[in-house]
Amino acid sequence: MAESYEPRATRPTLPSGYEVPTDEAGLQPWSHARTRLEQAQNFWVCTATRAGKPHAAPLWGAWVDDRLSFEGSPATRWGRNLSANPQASVHLERGSDVVIVERAILDEDDVGAALAERIASFAARYNGYRTQRRGFFILVPRGALAWSRFPHDATRWACDDAPGRA
């Protein structure tokens, strides 16, 4: 996605007891979520088996062009889960400055030389970690949630209307 893309921000739908405001005052801009995702080193990837058994794993990743790219073996528990059920959610480590993204995660054999180079430049911050430059798992968000002063700034974005999305 282009840097100028800004998905429409709305309030998440929660039971009334959570007292999430109904107006748009205080909604977070997509740039806040993007910055947090770009600066993150660890991403909690939450998957489930075909039968629905949950699994969460912290993984290194790189948020480039509004999509998460990460590497790993398809033989891991989360890799086997994604093979059986590609739907996943990913969140950052902090519970006080929350960013959550959701979508099916795709196993890409080749992301192309240009994107692989950009991912590698992000991955270099992980104590010298070098990517294999192929075989990435990619999450392009369908939706996202964020807050840092819950419930006042609780924000939901629908990301399916991004340019170039099917």
Protein backbone atom coordinates (compact mmCIF):
# COMPACT_ATOMS: atom_id res chain seq x y z
CA MET A 1 0.00 0.00 0.00
CA ALA A 2 1.11 3.53 -0.59
CA GLU A 3 2.25 5.54 2.44
CA SER A 4 -0.65 7.95 1.86
CA TYR A 5 -3.30 5.24 2.32
CA GLU A 6 -5.50 5.91 5.33
CA PRO A 7 -8.22 3.33 6.06
CA ARG A 8 -11.44 4.70 7.50
CA ALA A 9 -11.39 4.86 11.29
CA THR A 10 -14.51 3.94 13.29
CA ARG A 11 -15.28 2.79 16.80
CA PRO A 12 -15.12 -0.92 17.61
CA THR A 13 -18.42 -2.52 18.51
CA LEU A 14 -18.29 -3.63 22.15
CA PRO A 15 -20.99 -4.23 24.78
CA SER A 16 -22.29 -1.03 26.38
CA GLY A 17 -20.54 -1.76 29.69
CA TYR A 18 -17.19 -0.97 28.07
CA GLU A 19 -18.32 2.65 27.59
CA VAL A 20 -16.63 3.11 24.22
CA PRO A 21 -17.60 6.58 22.94
CA THR A 22 -19.97 6.71 20.00
CA ASP A 23 -18.53 9.86 18.39
CA GLU A 24 -15.36 10.16 16.33
CA ALA A 25 -13.53 12.49 18.71
CA GLY A 26 -10.28 10.90 19.84
CA LEU A 27 -10.04 8.23 17.13
CA GLN A 28 -6.43 7.31 16.42
CA PRO A 29 -4.97 8.00 12.98
CA TRP A 30 -3.72 5.04 10.94
CA SER A 31 -0.26 6.63 11.14
CA HIS A 32 -0.15 5.77 14.88
CA ALA A 33 -0.78 2.08 14.20
CA ARG A 34 1.60 2.09 11.22
CA THR A 35 4.41 3.65 13.28
CA ARG A 36 3.96 1.15 16.13
CA LEU A 37 3.96 -1.76 13.66
CA GLU A 38 7.03 -0.45 11.81
CA GLN A 39 8.95 -0.03 15.07
CA ALA A 40 8.00 -3.44 16.50
CA GLN A 41 10.47 -6.28 16.66
CA ASN A 42 8.23 -8.98 18.10
CA PHE A 43 4.75 -9.84 16.87
CA TRP A 44 2.44 -12.31 18.62
CA VAL A 45 0.98 -14.46 15.86
CA CYS A 46 -2.23 -16.17 16.95
CA THR A 47 -3.34 -19.16 14.91
CA ALA A 48 -5.70 -22.09 15.30
CA THR A 49 -5.81 -25.63 14.05
CA ARG A 50 -8.50 -26.65 11.59
CA ALA A 51 -10.44 -27.89 14.63
CA GLY A 52 -10.05 -24.53 16.39
CA LYS A 53 -7.35 -25.31 18.98
CA PRO A 54 -5.59 -21.95 19.61
CA HIS A 55 -1.87 -21.25 19.55
CA ALA A 56 0.14 -18.03 20.05
CA ALA A 57 3.82 -17.53 19.24
CA PRO A 58 6.12 -14.49 19.38
CA LEU A 59 7.86 -14.05 16.02
CA TRP A 60 10.26 -11.56 14.53
CA GLY A 61 8.76 -9.71 11.61
CA ALA A 62 8.95 -6.61 9.46
CA TRP A 63 6.04 -4.28 8.76
CA VAL A 64 6.72 -2.96 5.24
CA ASP A 65 4.15 -1.33 2.93
CA ASP A 66 1.32 -1.90 5.44
CA ARG A 67 1.83 -5.64 5.53
CA LEU A 68 3.61 -7.96 7.95
CA SER A 69 6.31 -10.21 6.53
CA PHE A 70 7.98 -12.91 8.59
CA GLU A 71 9.93 -16.09 8.04
CA GLY A 72 9.84 -19.46 9.71
CA SER A 73 9.45 -23.11 9.12
CA PRO A 74 6.09 -24.43 7.95
CA ALA A 75 6.85 -27.42 10.21
CA THR A 76 6.39 -25.33 13.39
CA ARG A 77 3.07 -25.50 15.25
CA TRP A 78 2.02 -22.08 13.91
CA GLY A 79 3.21 -23.03 10.40
CA ARG A 80 1.14 -26.23 10.44
CA ASN A 81 -1.82 -24.26 11.78
CA LEU A 82 -1.55 -21.70 8.96
CA SER A 83 -1.40 -24.51 6.43
CA ALA A 84 -4.66 -25.95 7.80
CA ASN A 85 -6.35 -22.62 8.65
CA PRO A 86 -4.71 -19.42 7.33
CA GLN A 87 -6.87 -17.05 9.41
CA ALA A 88 -4.81 -15.34 12.10
CA SER A 89 -4.54 -12.30 14.29
CA VAL A 90 -1.30 -10.55 15.15
CA HIS A 91 -0.71 -8.17 18.02
CA LEU A 92 2.15 -6.26 19.56
CA GLU A 93 3.57 -6.97 22.99
CA ARG A 94 2.24 -4.00 24.96
CA GLY A 95 -1.20 -4.23 26.49
CA SER A 96 -1.22 -0.49 27.23
CA ASP A 97 -0.60 0.65 23.63
CA VAL A 98 -2.49 -1.99 21.68
CA VAL A 99 -2.34 -2.70 17.95
CA ILE A 100 -4.04 -5.82 16.54
CA VAL A 101 -4.29 -6.78 12.86
CA GLU A 102 -6.26 -9.64 11.33
CA ARG A 103 -6.37 -11.53 8.03
CA ALA A 104 -5.45 -14.77 6.37
CA ILE A 105 -1.68 -15.21 6.30
CA LEU A 106 -0.27 -16.24 2.94
CA ASP A 107 2.83 -18.37 2.41
CA GLU A 108 4.73 -16.59 -0.38
CA ASP A 109 7.51 -18.49 -2.13
CA ASP A 110 8.96 -15.32 -3.67
CA VAL A 111 8.15 -11.74 -2.69
CA GLY A 112 10.47 -10.32 -5.35
CA ALA A 113 13.94 -8.87 -5.02
CA ALA A 114 12.88 -5.29 -4.18
CA LEU A 115 10.52 -6.25 -1.34
CA ALA A 116 12.93 -8.89 -0.06
CA GLU A 117 15.63 -6.19 0.18
CA ARG A 118 13.31 -3.86 2.10
CA ILE A 119 12.32 -6.66 4.48
CA ALA A 120 16.01 -7.53 4.95
CA SER A 121 16.79 -3.94 5.91
CA PHE A 122 14.11 -4.09 8.63
CA ALA A 123 15.28 -7.53 9.78
CA ALA A 124 18.88 -6.29 10.20
CA ARG A 125 17.89 -4.66 13.51
CA TYR A 126 17.45 -8.14 15.05
CA ASN A 127 21.01 -8.62 16.28
CA GLY A 128 22.39 -9.24 12.80
CA TYR A 129 19.59 -11.58 11.66
CA ARG A 130 19.65 -12.10 7.90
CA THR A 131 16.59 -13.15 5.98
CA GLN A 132 16.58 -16.01 3.50
CA ARG A 133 15.08 -13.50 1.00
CA ARG A 134 12.40 -15.94 -0.05
CA GLY A 135 9.69 -18.01 1.56
CA PHE A 136 7.96 -15.30 3.60
CA PHE A 137 4.65 -15.47 5.37
CA ILE A 138 2.65 -12.31 4.60
CA LEU A 139 -0.30 -10.75 6.42
CA VAL A 140 -2.13 -7.95 4.60
CA PRO A 141 -4.63 -6.65 7.15
CA ARG A 142 -8.37 -6.95 6.61
CA GLY A 143 -8.98 -5.02 9.79
CA ALA A 144 -7.12 -3.53 12.70
CA LEU A 145 -7.80 -2.33 16.24
CA ALA A 146 -5.79 0.00 18.45
CA TRP A 147 -5.99 1.94 21.68
CA SER A 148 -3.66 3.52 24.20
CA ARG A 149 -6.27 5.14 26.49
CA PHE A 150 -9.07 2.55 26.44
CA PRO A 151 -11.97 3.15 25.93
CA HIS A 152 -11.52 6.83 24.93
CA ASP A 153 -9.35 6.29 21.83
CA ALA A 154 -10.43 2.75 20.90
CA THR A 155 -10.25 2.68 17.10
CA ARG A 156 -11.15 0.13 14.44
CA TRP A 157 -10.05 0.26 10.80
CA ALA A 158 -11.47 -1.66 7.85
CA CYS A 159 -8.53 -2.18 5.50
CA ASP A 160 -10.17 -4.06 2.60
CA ASP A 161 -10.68 -0.85 0.61
CA ALA A 162 -6.94 -0.24 0.20
CA PRO A 163 -5.67 0.44 -3.32
CA GLY A 164 -4.73 -2.76 -5.13
CA ARG A 165 -6.76 -5.06 -2.88
CA ALA A 166 -9.00 -7.70 -4.32
